[in-house]
Amino acid sequence: MYANGKGVPEDDKQAVKWYRLAAEQGVANAQYNLGVMYERGDGVPEDKVLAYMWWNLAAANGIEDASTNKGIITKRMTSSQIAEAQKLSGECLKKNYKNC
């Protein structure tokens, strides 16, 4: 609701807070949306590595658009950034999405 200002004032930082809470509980759509926030730098510093990581997790949880976005963002990433994002994805999975 905060991301779009539906029923509350639009607030990207609050949107990120709530997306993160849901993403850490394994909610794939929240993982996808958190990736969008990192890719755009909405409410958080722009970070392609974290955008990829969250989209990678969302894709693994069945969100097709996350796979598409990963393909797009990799064109703007170095191979070391992609490797770091994949490493972070694996670590996040091991922690059951907590504190990613």
PDB file of N, CA and C in Angstrom:
ATOM      1  N   MET A   1       0.811  -1.183   0.000  1.00  0.00           N
ATOM      2  CA  MET A   1       0.000   0.000   0.000  1.00  0.00           C
ATOM      3  C   MET A   1       0.869   1.268   0.000  1.00  0.00           C
ATOM      4  N   TYR A   2       1.972   1.220   0.758  1.00  0.00           N
ATOM      5  CA  TYR A   2       2.849   2.380   0.808  1.00  0.00           C
ATOM      6  C   TYR A   2       3.531   2.647  -0.534  1.00  0.00           C
ATOM      7  N   ALA A   3       3.822   1.609  -1.286  1.00  0.00           N
ATOM      8  CA  ALA A   3       4.507   1.794  -2.570  1.00  0.00           C
ATOM      9  C   ALA A   3       3.658   2.595  -3.554  1.00  0.00           C
ATOM     10  N   ASN A   4       2.337   2.427  -3.467  1.00  0.00           N
ATOM     11  CA  ASN A   4       1.442   3.094  -4.409  1.00  0.00           C
ATOM     12  C   ASN A   4       0.576   4.171  -3.772  1.00  0.00           C
ATOM     13  N   GLY A   5       0.719   4.391  -2.480  1.00  0.00           N
ATOM     14  CA  GLY A   5      -0.081   5.396  -1.798  1.00  0.00           C
ATOM     15  C   GLY A   5      -1.558   5.047  -1.741  1.00  0.00           C
ATOM     16  N   LYS A   6      -1.857   3.769  -1.606  1.00  0.00           N
ATOM     17  CA  LYS A   6      -3.262   3.335  -1.520  1.00  0.00           C
ATOM     18  C   LYS A   6      -3.706   3.286  -0.063  1.00  0.00           C
ATOM     19  N   GLY A   7      -4.526   4.258   0.319  1.00  0.00           N
ATOM     20  CA  GLY A   7      -5.046   4.301   1.681  1.00  0.00           C
ATOM     21  C   GLY A   7      -4.082   4.899   2.692  1.00  0.00           C
ATOM     22  N   VAL A   8      -2.845   5.118   2.276  1.00  0.00           N
ATOM     23  CA  VAL A   8      -1.809   5.726   3.117  1.00  0.00           C
ATOM     24  C   VAL A   8      -0.971   6.637   2.222  1.00  0.00           C
ATOM     25  N   PRO A   9      -0.252   7.576   2.820  1.00  0.00           N
ATOM     26  CA  PRO A   9       0.630   8.387   1.978  1.00  0.00           C
ATOM     27  C   PRO A   9       1.710   7.512   1.333  1.00  0.00           C
ATOM     28  N   GLU A  10       2.053   7.805   0.090  1.00  0.00           N
ATOM     29  CA  GLU A  10       3.117   7.056  -0.572  1.00  0.00           C
ATOM     30  C   GLU A  10       4.423   7.267   0.188  1.00  0.00           C
ATOM     31  N   ASP A  11       5.091   6.172   0.505  1.00  0.00           N
ATOM     32  CA  ASP A  11       6.317   6.228   1.296  1.00  0.00           C
ATOM     33  C   ASP A  11       7.169   5.012   0.953  1.00  0.00           C
ATOM     34  N   ASP A  12       8.174   5.226   0.116  1.00  0.00           N
ATOM     35  CA  ASP A  12       9.003   4.118  -0.349  1.00  0.00           C
ATOM     36  C   ASP A  12       9.752   3.424   0.776  1.00  0.00           C
ATOM     37  N   LYS A  13      10.202   4.176   1.774  1.00  0.00           N
ATOM     38  CA  LYS A  13      10.925   3.546   2.892  1.00  0.00           C
ATOM     39  C   LYS A  13      10.011   2.613   3.678  1.00  0.00           C
ATOM     40  N   GLN A  14       8.777   3.020   3.882  1.00  0.00           N
ATOM     41  CA  GLN A  14       7.816   2.150   4.558  1.00  0.00           C
ATOM     42  C   GLN A  14       7.484   0.938   3.689  1.00  0.00           C
ATOM     43  N   ALA A  15       7.387   1.159   2.387  1.00  0.00           N
ATOM     44  CA  ALA A  15       7.108   0.049   1.467  1.00  0.00           C
ATOM     45  C   ALA A  15       8.219  -0.990   1.565  1.00  0.00           C
ATOM     46  N   VAL A  16       9.463  -0.533   1.565  1.00  0.00           N
ATOM     47  CA  VAL A  16      10.598  -1.449   1.679  1.00  0.00           C
ATOM     48  C   VAL A  16      10.533  -2.214   2.990  1.00  0.00           C
ATOM     49  N   LYS A  17      10.213  -1.523   4.071  1.00  0.00           N
ATOM     50  CA  LYS A  17      10.118  -2.171   5.391  1.00  0.00           C
ATOM     51  C   LYS A  17       9.120  -3.330   5.347  1.00  0.00           C
ATOM     52  N   TRP A  18       7.947  -3.096   4.802  1.00  0.00           N
ATOM     53  CA  TRP A  18       6.901  -4.120   4.775  1.00  0.00           C
ATOM     54  C   TRP A  18       7.196  -5.201   3.751  1.00  0.00           C
ATOM     55  N   TYR A  19       7.755  -4.817   2.606  1.00  0.00           N
ATOM     56  CA  TYR A  19       8.162  -5.840   1.633  1.00  0.00           C
ATOM     57  C   TYR A  19       9.203  -6.767   2.249  1.00  0.00           C
ATOM     58  N   ARG A  20      10.165  -6.181   2.971  1.00  0.00           N
ATOM     59  CA  ARG A  20      11.227  -6.992   3.584  1.00  0.00           C
ATOM     60  C   ARG A  20      10.651  -7.966   4.616  1.00  0.00           C
ATOM     61  N   LEU A  21       9.744  -7.485   5.446  1.00  0.00           N
ATOM     62  CA  LEU A  21       9.136  -8.370   6.440  1.00  0.00           C
ATOM     63  C   LEU A  21       8.433  -9.545   5.772  1.00  0.00           C
ATOM     64  N   ALA A  22       7.717  -9.268   4.706  1.00  0.00           N
ATOM     65  CA  ALA A  22       7.025 -10.351   3.988  1.00  0.00           C
ATOM     66  C   ALA A  22       8.017 -11.229   3.236  1.00  0.00           C
ATOM     67  N   ALA A  23       9.026 -10.612   2.608  1.00  0.00           N
ATOM     68  CA  ALA A  23      10.033 -11.377   1.847  1.00  0.00           C
ATOM     69  C   ALA A  23      10.766 -12.352   2.755  1.00  0.00           C
ATOM     70  N   GLU A  24      11.064 -11.920   3.970  1.00  0.00           N
ATOM     71  CA  GLU A  24      11.763 -12.783   4.925  1.00  0.00           C
ATOM     72  C   GLU A  24      10.877 -13.918   5.434  1.00  0.00           C
ATOM     73  N   GLN A  25       9.599 -13.846   5.161  1.00  0.00           N
ATOM     74  CA  GLN A  25       8.688 -14.939   5.491  1.00  0.00           C
ATOM     75  C   GLN A  25       8.435 -15.828   4.281  1.00  0.00           C
ATOM     76  N   GLY A  26       9.163 -15.554   3.194  1.00  0.00           N
ATOM     77  CA  GLY A  26       9.064 -16.395   2.006  1.00  0.00           C
ATOM     78  C   GLY A  26       7.984 -15.996   1.024  1.00  0.00           C
ATOM     79  N   VAL A  27       7.406 -14.812   1.159  1.00  0.00           N
ATOM     80  CA  VAL A  27       6.364 -14.351   0.241  1.00  0.00           C
ATOM     81  C   VAL A  27       7.025 -13.917  -1.067  1.00  0.00           C
ATOM     82  N   ALA A  28       6.806 -14.698  -2.113  1.00  0.00           N
ATOM     83  CA  ALA A  28       7.492 -14.494  -3.388  1.00  0.00           C
ATOM     84  C   ALA A  28       7.200 -13.128  -4.004  1.00  0.00           C
ATOM     85  N   ASN A  29       5.956 -12.670  -3.943  1.00  0.00           N
ATOM     86  CA  ASN A  29       5.638 -11.359  -4.523  1.00  0.00           C
ATOM     87  C   ASN A  29       6.370 -10.236  -3.801  1.00  0.00           C
ATOM     88  N   ALA A  30       6.535 -10.367  -2.496  1.00  0.00           N
ATOM     89  CA  ALA A  30       7.286  -9.371  -1.734  1.00  0.00           C
ATOM     90  C   ALA A  30       8.765  -9.417  -2.115  1.00  0.00           C
ATOM     91  N   GLN A  31       9.299 -10.607  -2.340  1.00  0.00           N
ATOM     92  CA  GLN A  31      10.688 -10.735  -2.787  1.00  0.00           C
ATOM     93  C   GLN A  31      10.859 -10.045  -4.134  1.00  0.00           C
ATOM     94  N   TYR A  32       9.913 -10.270  -5.026  1.00  0.00           N
ATOM     95  CA  TYR A  32       9.944  -9.627  -6.338  1.00  0.00           C
ATOM     96  C   TYR A  32       9.917  -8.100  -6.185  1.00  0.00           C
ATOM     97  N   ASN A  33       8.966  -7.598  -5.397  1.00  0.00           N
ATOM     98  CA  ASN A  33       8.825  -6.150  -5.234  1.00  0.00           C
ATOM     99  C   ASN A  33      10.037  -5.534  -4.550  1.00  0.00           C
ATOM    100  N   LEU A  34      10.645  -6.262  -3.638  1.00  0.00           N
ATOM    101  CA  LEU A  34      11.857  -5.756  -2.995  1.00  0.00           C
ATOM    102  C   LEU A  34      12.976  -5.633  -4.031  1.00  0.00           C
ATOM    103  N   GLY A  35      13.052  -6.593  -4.939  1.00  0.00           N
ATOM    104  CA  GLY A  35      14.009  -6.486  -6.035  1.00  0.00           C
ATOM    105  C   GLY A  35      13.778  -5.247  -6.868  1.00  0.00           C
ATOM    106  N   VAL A  36      12.523  -4.932  -7.140  1.00  0.00           N
ATOM    107  CA  VAL A  36      12.182  -3.726  -7.900  1.00  0.00           C
ATOM    108  C   VAL A  36      12.658  -2.483  -7.158  1.00  0.00           C
ATOM    109  N   MET A  37      12.436  -2.441  -5.860  1.00  0.00           N
ATOM    110  CA  MET A  37      12.843  -1.276  -5.072  1.00  0.00           C
ATOM    111  C   MET A  37      14.349  -1.077  -5.124  1.00  0.00           C
ATOM    112  N   TYR A  38      15.108  -2.179  -5.019  1.00  0.00           N
ATOM    113  CA  TYR A  38      16.565  -2.061  -5.108  1.00  0.00           C
ATOM    114  C   TYR A  38      17.022  -1.684  -6.511  1.00  0.00           C
ATOM    115  N   GLU A  39      16.364  -2.189  -7.516  1.00  0.00           N
ATOM    116  CA  GLU A  39      16.756  -1.872  -8.892  1.00  0.00           C
ATOM    117  C   GLU A  39      16.535  -0.388  -9.181  1.00  0.00           C
ATOM    118  N   ARG A  40      15.460   0.156  -8.690  1.00  0.00           N
ATOM    119  CA  ARG A  40      15.120   1.567  -8.936  1.00  0.00           C
ATOM    120  C   ARG A  40      15.754   2.526  -7.939  1.00  0.00           C
ATOM    121  N   GLY A  41      16.136   2.012  -6.768  1.00  0.00           N
ATOM    122  CA  GLY A  41      16.620   2.885  -5.711  1.00  0.00           C
ATOM    123  C   GLY A  41      15.476   3.605  -5.011  1.00  0.00           C
ATOM    124  N   ASP A  42      14.323   2.954  -4.942  1.00  0.00           N
ATOM    125  CA  ASP A  42      13.160   3.525  -4.270  1.00  0.00           C
ATOM    126  C   ASP A  42      13.144   3.095  -2.809  1.00  0.00           C
ATOM    127  N   GLY A  43      13.394   4.040  -1.904  1.00  0.00           N
ATOM    128  CA  GLY A  43      13.366   3.743  -0.476  1.00  0.00           C
ATOM    129  C   GLY A  43      14.632   3.103   0.060  1.00  0.00           C
ATOM    130  N   VAL A  44      15.527   2.717  -0.833  1.00  0.00           N
ATOM    131  CA  VAL A  44      16.827   2.128  -0.497  1.00  0.00           C
ATOM    132  C   VAL A  44      17.836   2.622  -1.536  1.00  0.00           C
ATOM    133  N   PRO A  45      19.125   2.557  -1.217  1.00  0.00           N
ATOM    134  CA  PRO A  45      20.100   2.897  -2.257  1.00  0.00           C
ATOM    135  C   PRO A  45      19.997   1.901  -3.416  1.00  0.00           C
ATOM    136  N   GLU A  46      20.128   2.393  -4.623  1.00  0.00           N
ATOM    137  CA  GLU A  46      20.101   1.510  -5.799  1.00  0.00           C
ATOM    138  C   GLU A  46      21.205   0.469  -5.662  1.00  0.00           C
ATOM    139  N   ASP A  47      20.854  -0.790  -5.889  1.00  0.00           N
ATOM    140  CA  ASP A  47      21.822  -1.876  -5.714  1.00  0.00           C
ATOM    141  C   ASP A  47      21.435  -3.038  -6.630  1.00  0.00           C
ATOM    142  N   LYS A  48      22.156  -3.163  -7.737  1.00  0.00           N
ATOM    143  CA  LYS A  48      21.855  -4.220  -8.706  1.00  0.00           C
ATOM    144  C   LYS A  48      22.056  -5.615  -8.112  1.00  0.00           C
ATOM    145  N   VAL A  49      23.045  -5.764  -7.250  1.00  0.00           N
ATOM    146  CA  VAL A  49      23.329  -7.072  -6.651  1.00  0.00           C
ATOM    147  C   VAL A  49      22.148  -7.529  -5.797  1.00  0.00           C
ATOM    148  N   LEU A  50      21.637  -6.636  -4.956  1.00  0.00           N
ATOM    149  CA  LEU A  50      20.503  -7.015  -4.109  1.00  0.00           C
ATOM    150  C   LEU A  50      19.218  -7.172  -4.925  1.00  0.00           C
ATOM    151  N   ALA A  51      19.065  -6.367  -5.972  1.00  0.00           N
ATOM    152  CA  ALA A  51      17.900  -6.538  -6.854  1.00  0.00           C
ATOM    153  C   ALA A  51      17.933  -7.932  -7.465  1.00  0.00           C
ATOM    154  N   TYR A  52      19.087  -8.318  -7.996  1.00  0.00           N
ATOM    155  CA  TYR A  52      19.237  -9.644  -8.591  1.00  0.00           C
ATOM    156  C   TYR A  52      18.968 -10.733  -7.557  1.00  0.00           C
ATOM    157  N   MET A  53      19.538 -10.561  -6.366  1.00  0.00           N
ATOM    158  CA  MET A  53      19.362 -11.568  -5.320  1.00  0.00           C
ATOM    159  C   MET A  53      17.879 -11.795  -5.022  1.00  0.00           C
ATOM    160  N   TRP A  54      17.141 -10.704  -4.796  1.00  0.00           N
ATOM    161  CA  TRP A  54      15.725 -10.855  -4.473  1.00  0.00           C
ATOM    162  C   TRP A  54      14.944 -11.425  -5.649  1.00  0.00           C
ATOM    163  N   TRP A  55      15.284 -11.014  -6.875  1.00  0.00           N
ATOM    164  CA  TRP A  55      14.606 -11.578  -8.041  1.00  0.00           C
ATOM    165  C   TRP A  55      14.961 -13.041  -8.219  1.00  0.00           C
ATOM    166  N   ASN A  56      16.186 -13.412  -7.901  1.00  0.00           N
ATOM    167  CA  ASN A  56      16.592 -14.809  -7.993  1.00  0.00           C
ATOM    168  C   ASN A  56      15.751 -15.662  -7.038  1.00  0.00           C
ATOM    169  N   LEU A  57      15.553 -15.178  -5.821  1.00  0.00           N
ATOM    170  CA  LEU A  57      14.737 -15.893  -4.841  1.00  0.00           C
ATOM    171  C   LEU A  57      13.273 -15.945  -5.279  1.00  0.00           C
ATOM    172  N   ALA A  58      12.765 -14.817  -5.771  1.00  0.00           N
ATOM    173  CA  ALA A  58      11.373 -14.779  -6.234  1.00  0.00           C
ATOM    174  C   ALA A  58      11.171 -15.725  -7.414  1.00  0.00           C
ATOM    175  N   ALA A  59      12.146 -15.766  -8.317  1.00  0.00           N
ATOM    176  CA  ALA A  59      12.061 -16.665  -9.475  1.00  0.00           C
ATOM    177  C   ALA A  59      12.024 -18.117  -9.008  1.00  0.00           C
ATOM    178  N   ALA A  60      12.860 -18.442  -8.020  1.00  0.00           N
ATOM    179  CA  ALA A  60      12.878 -19.801  -7.472  1.00  0.00           C
ATOM    180  C   ALA A  60      11.549 -20.156  -6.805  1.00  0.00           C
ATOM    181  N   ASN A  61      10.811 -19.125  -6.407  1.00  0.00           N
ATOM    182  CA  ASN A  61       9.509 -19.331  -5.774  1.00  0.00           C
ATOM    183  C   ASN A  61       8.351 -19.129  -6.754  1.00  0.00           C
ATOM    184  N   GLY A  62       8.667 -19.162  -8.049  1.00  0.00           N
ATOM    185  CA  GLY A  62       7.620 -19.212  -9.049  1.00  0.00           C
ATOM    186  C   GLY A  62       7.202 -17.912  -9.716  1.00  0.00           C
ATOM    187  N   ILE A  63       7.886 -16.815  -9.458  1.00  0.00           N
ATOM    188  CA  ILE A  63       7.511 -15.538 -10.074  1.00  0.00           C
ATOM    189  C   ILE A  63       8.248 -15.393 -11.410  1.00  0.00           C
ATOM    190  N   GLU A  64       7.522 -15.559 -12.501  1.00  0.00           N
ATOM    191  CA  GLU A  64       8.137 -15.534 -13.839  1.00  0.00           C
ATOM    192  C   GLU A  64       8.748 -14.183 -14.179  1.00  0.00           C
ATOM    193  N   ASP A  65       8.095 -13.084 -13.785  1.00  0.00           N
ATOM    194  CA  ASP A  65       8.643 -11.759 -14.082  1.00  0.00           C
ATOM    195  C   ASP A  65      10.002 -11.550 -13.424  1.00  0.00           C
ATOM    196  N   ALA A  66      10.252 -12.231 -12.318  1.00  0.00           N
ATOM    197  CA  ALA A  66      11.543 -12.120 -11.652  1.00  0.00           C
ATOM    198  C   ALA A  66      12.643 -12.703 -12.534  1.00  0.00           C
ATOM    199  N   SER A  67      12.357 -13.805 -13.201  1.00  0.00           N
ATOM    200  CA  SER A  67      13.337 -14.391 -14.128  1.00  0.00           C
ATOM    201  C   SER A  67      13.622 -13.433 -15.271  1.00  0.00           C
ATOM    202  N   THR A  68      12.576 -12.822 -15.790  1.00  0.00           N
ATOM    203  CA  THR A  68      12.740 -11.847 -16.875  1.00  0.00           C
ATOM    204  C   THR A  68      13.607 -10.684 -16.421  1.00  0.00           C
ATOM    205  N   ASN A  69      13.308 -10.137 -15.240  1.00  0.00           N
ATOM    206  CA  ASN A  69      14.071  -8.998 -14.730  1.00  0.00           C
ATOM    207  C   ASN A  69      15.531  -9.353 -14.478  1.00  0.00           C
ATOM    208  N   LYS A  70      15.773 -10.574 -13.987  1.00  0.00           N
ATOM    209  CA  LYS A  70      17.166 -11.018 -13.797  1.00  0.00           C
ATOM    210  C   LYS A  70      17.914 -10.977 -15.123  1.00  0.00           C
ATOM    211  N   GLY A  71      17.273 -11.448 -16.177  1.00  0.00           N
ATOM    212  CA  GLY A  71      17.900 -11.445 -17.491  1.00  0.00           C
ATOM    213  C   GLY A  71      18.226 -10.047 -17.969  1.00  0.00           C
ATOM    214  N   ILE A  72      17.354  -9.119 -17.675  1.00  0.00           N
ATOM    215  CA  ILE A  72      17.565  -7.728 -18.093  1.00  0.00           C
ATOM    216  C   ILE A  72      18.691  -7.088 -17.294  1.00  0.00           C
ATOM    217  N   ILE A  73      18.661  -7.265 -15.968  1.00  0.00           N
ATOM    218  CA  ILE A  73      19.645  -6.574 -15.124  1.00  0.00           C
ATOM    219  C   ILE A  73      21.052  -7.145 -15.301  1.00  0.00           C
ATOM    220  N   THR A  74      21.159  -8.420 -15.662  1.00  0.00           N
ATOM    221  CA  THR A  74      22.499  -9.000 -15.831  1.00  0.00           C
ATOM    222  C   THR A  74      23.271  -8.306 -16.945  1.00  0.00           C
ATOM    223  N   LYS A  75      22.562  -7.701 -17.876  1.00  0.00           N
ATOM    224  CA  LYS A  75      23.234  -6.971 -18.959  1.00  0.00           C
ATOM    225  C   LYS A  75      23.925  -5.708 -18.458  1.00  0.00           C
ATOM    226  N   ARG A  76      23.552  -5.276 -17.247  1.00  0.00           N
ATOM    227  CA  ARG A  76      24.142  -4.071 -16.657  1.00  0.00           C
ATOM    228  C   ARG A  76      25.026  -4.398 -15.460  1.00  0.00           C
ATOM    229  N   MET A  77      25.354  -5.696 -15.293  1.00  0.00           N
ATOM    230  CA  MET A  77      26.161  -6.132 -14.158  1.00  0.00           C
ATOM    231  C   MET A  77      27.463  -6.765 -14.644  1.00  0.00           C
ATOM    232  N   THR A  78      28.474  -6.706 -13.798  1.00  0.00           N
ATOM    233  CA  THR A  78      29.719  -7.405 -14.092  1.00  0.00           C
ATOM    234  C   THR A  78      29.551  -8.869 -13.683  1.00  0.00           C
ATOM    235  N   SER A  79      30.439  -9.700 -14.155  1.00  0.00           N
ATOM    236  CA  SER A  79      30.370 -11.120 -13.774  1.00  0.00           C
ATOM    237  C   SER A  79      30.592 -11.288 -12.274  1.00  0.00           C
ATOM    238  N   SER A  80      31.411 -10.446 -11.665  1.00  0.00           N
ATOM    239  CA  SER A  80      31.628 -10.548 -10.220  1.00  0.00           C
ATOM    240  C   SER A  80      30.382 -10.107  -9.446  1.00  0.00           C
ATOM    241  N   GLN A  81      29.654  -9.142  -9.951  1.00  0.00           N
ATOM    242  CA  GLN A  81      28.405  -8.739  -9.302  1.00  0.00           C
ATOM    243  C   GLN A  81      27.372  -9.866  -9.368  1.00  0.00           C
ATOM    244  N   ILE A  82      27.291 -10.517 -10.509  1.00  0.00           N
ATOM    245  CA  ILE A  82      26.353 -11.632 -10.667  1.00  0.00           C
ATOM    246  C   ILE A  82      26.732 -12.763  -9.723  1.00  0.00           C
ATOM    247  N   ALA A  83      28.019 -13.069  -9.647  1.00  0.00           N
ATOM    248  CA  ALA A  83      28.481 -14.127  -8.746  1.00  0.00           C
ATOM    249  C   ALA A  83      28.162 -13.777  -7.299  1.00  0.00           C
ATOM    250  N   GLU A  84      28.349 -12.525  -6.922  1.00  0.00           N
ATOM    251  CA  GLU A  84      28.039 -12.092  -5.556  1.00  0.00           C
ATOM    252  C   GLU A  84      26.541 -12.223  -5.282  1.00  0.00           C
ATOM    253  N   ALA A  85      25.718 -11.836  -6.230  1.00  0.00           N
ATOM    254  CA  ALA A  85      24.260 -11.934  -6.068  1.00  0.00           C
ATOM    255  C   ALA A  85      23.831 -13.391  -5.918  1.00  0.00           C
ATOM    256  N   GLN A  86      24.435 -14.268  -6.689  1.00  0.00           N
ATOM    257  CA  GLN A  86      24.102 -15.690  -6.590  1.00  0.00           C
ATOM    258  C   GLN A  86      24.548 -16.262  -5.243  1.00  0.00           C
ATOM    259  N   LYS A  87      25.719 -15.835  -4.787  1.00  0.00           N
ATOM    260  CA  LYS A  87      26.216 -16.267  -3.481  1.00  0.00           C
ATOM    261  C   LYS A  87      25.271 -15.796  -2.373  1.00  0.00           C
ATOM    262  N   LEU A  88      24.856 -14.532  -2.444  1.00  0.00           N
ATOM    263  CA  LEU A  88      23.939 -13.985  -1.443  1.00  0.00           C
ATOM    264  C   LEU A  88      22.596 -14.715  -1.463  1.00  0.00           C
ATOM    265  N   SER A  89      22.141 -15.087  -2.650  1.00  0.00           N
ATOM    266  CA  SER A  89      20.883 -15.832  -2.771  1.00  0.00           C
ATOM    267  C   SER A  89      20.984 -17.160  -2.025  1.00  0.00           C
ATOM    268  N   GLY A  90      22.089 -17.863  -2.235  1.00  0.00           N
ATOM    269  CA  GLY A  90      22.293 -19.148  -1.556  1.00  0.00           C
ATOM    270  C   GLY A  90      22.355 -18.989  -0.051  1.00  0.00           C
ATOM    271  N   GLU A  91      23.059 -17.958   0.407  1.00  0.00           N
ATOM    272  CA  GLU A  91      23.155 -17.712   1.846  1.00  0.00           C
ATOM    273  C   GLU A  91      21.788 -17.366   2.426  1.00  0.00           C
ATOM    274  N   CYS A  92      21.021 -16.596   1.673  1.00  0.00           N
ATOM    275  CA  CYS A  92      19.689 -16.209   2.124  1.00  0.00           C
ATOM    276  C   CYS A  92      18.783 -17.437   2.250  1.00  0.00           C
ATOM    277  N   LEU A  93      18.871 -18.327   1.286  1.00  0.00           N
ATOM    278  CA  LEU A  93      18.085 -19.561   1.348  1.00  0.00           C
ATOM    279  C   LEU A  93      18.442 -20.381   2.588  1.00  0.00           C
ATOM    280  N   LYS A  94      19.745 -20.482   2.864  1.00  0.00           N
ATOM    281  CA  LYS A  94      20.200 -21.253   4.022  1.00  0.00           C
ATOM    282  C   LYS A  94      19.672 -20.678   5.329  1.00  0.00           C
ATOM    283  N   LYS A  95      19.489 -19.350   5.358  1.00  0.00           N
ATOM    284  CA  LYS A  95      18.975 -18.675   6.556  1.00  0.00           C
ATOM    285  C   LYS A  95      17.447 -18.598   6.550  1.00  0.00           C
ATOM    286  N   ASN A  96      16.827 -19.301   5.595  1.00  0.00           N
ATOM    287  CA  ASN A  96      15.363 -19.276   5.471  1.00  0.00           C
ATOM    288  C   ASN A  96      14.835 -17.857   5.313  1.00  0.00           C
ATOM    289  N   TYR A  97      15.563 -17.065   4.514  1.00  0.00           N
ATOM    290  CA  TYR A  97      15.219 -15.681   4.143  1.00  0.00           C
ATOM    291  C   TYR A  97      15.410 -14.660   5.252  1.00  0.00           C
ATOM    292  N   LYS A  98      15.865 -15.056   6.418  1.00  0.00           N
ATOM    293  CA  LYS A  98      16.001 -14.124   7.536  1.00  0.00           C
ATOM    294  C   LYS A  98      17.298 -13.330   7.407  1.00  0.00           C
ATOM    295  N   ASN A  99      17.197 -12.031   7.649  1.00  0.00           N
ATOM    296  CA  ASN A  99      18.348 -11.116   7.654  1.00  0.00           C
ATOM    297  C   ASN A  99      19.135 -11.134   6.352  1.00  0.00           C
ATOM    298  N   CYS A 100      18.427 -11.136   5.259  1.00  0.00           N
ATOM    299  CA  CYS A 100      19.087 -11.153   3.952  1.00  0.00           C
ATOM    300  C   CYS A 100      19.418  -9.753   3.474  1.00  0.00           C
TER     301      CYS A 100
END
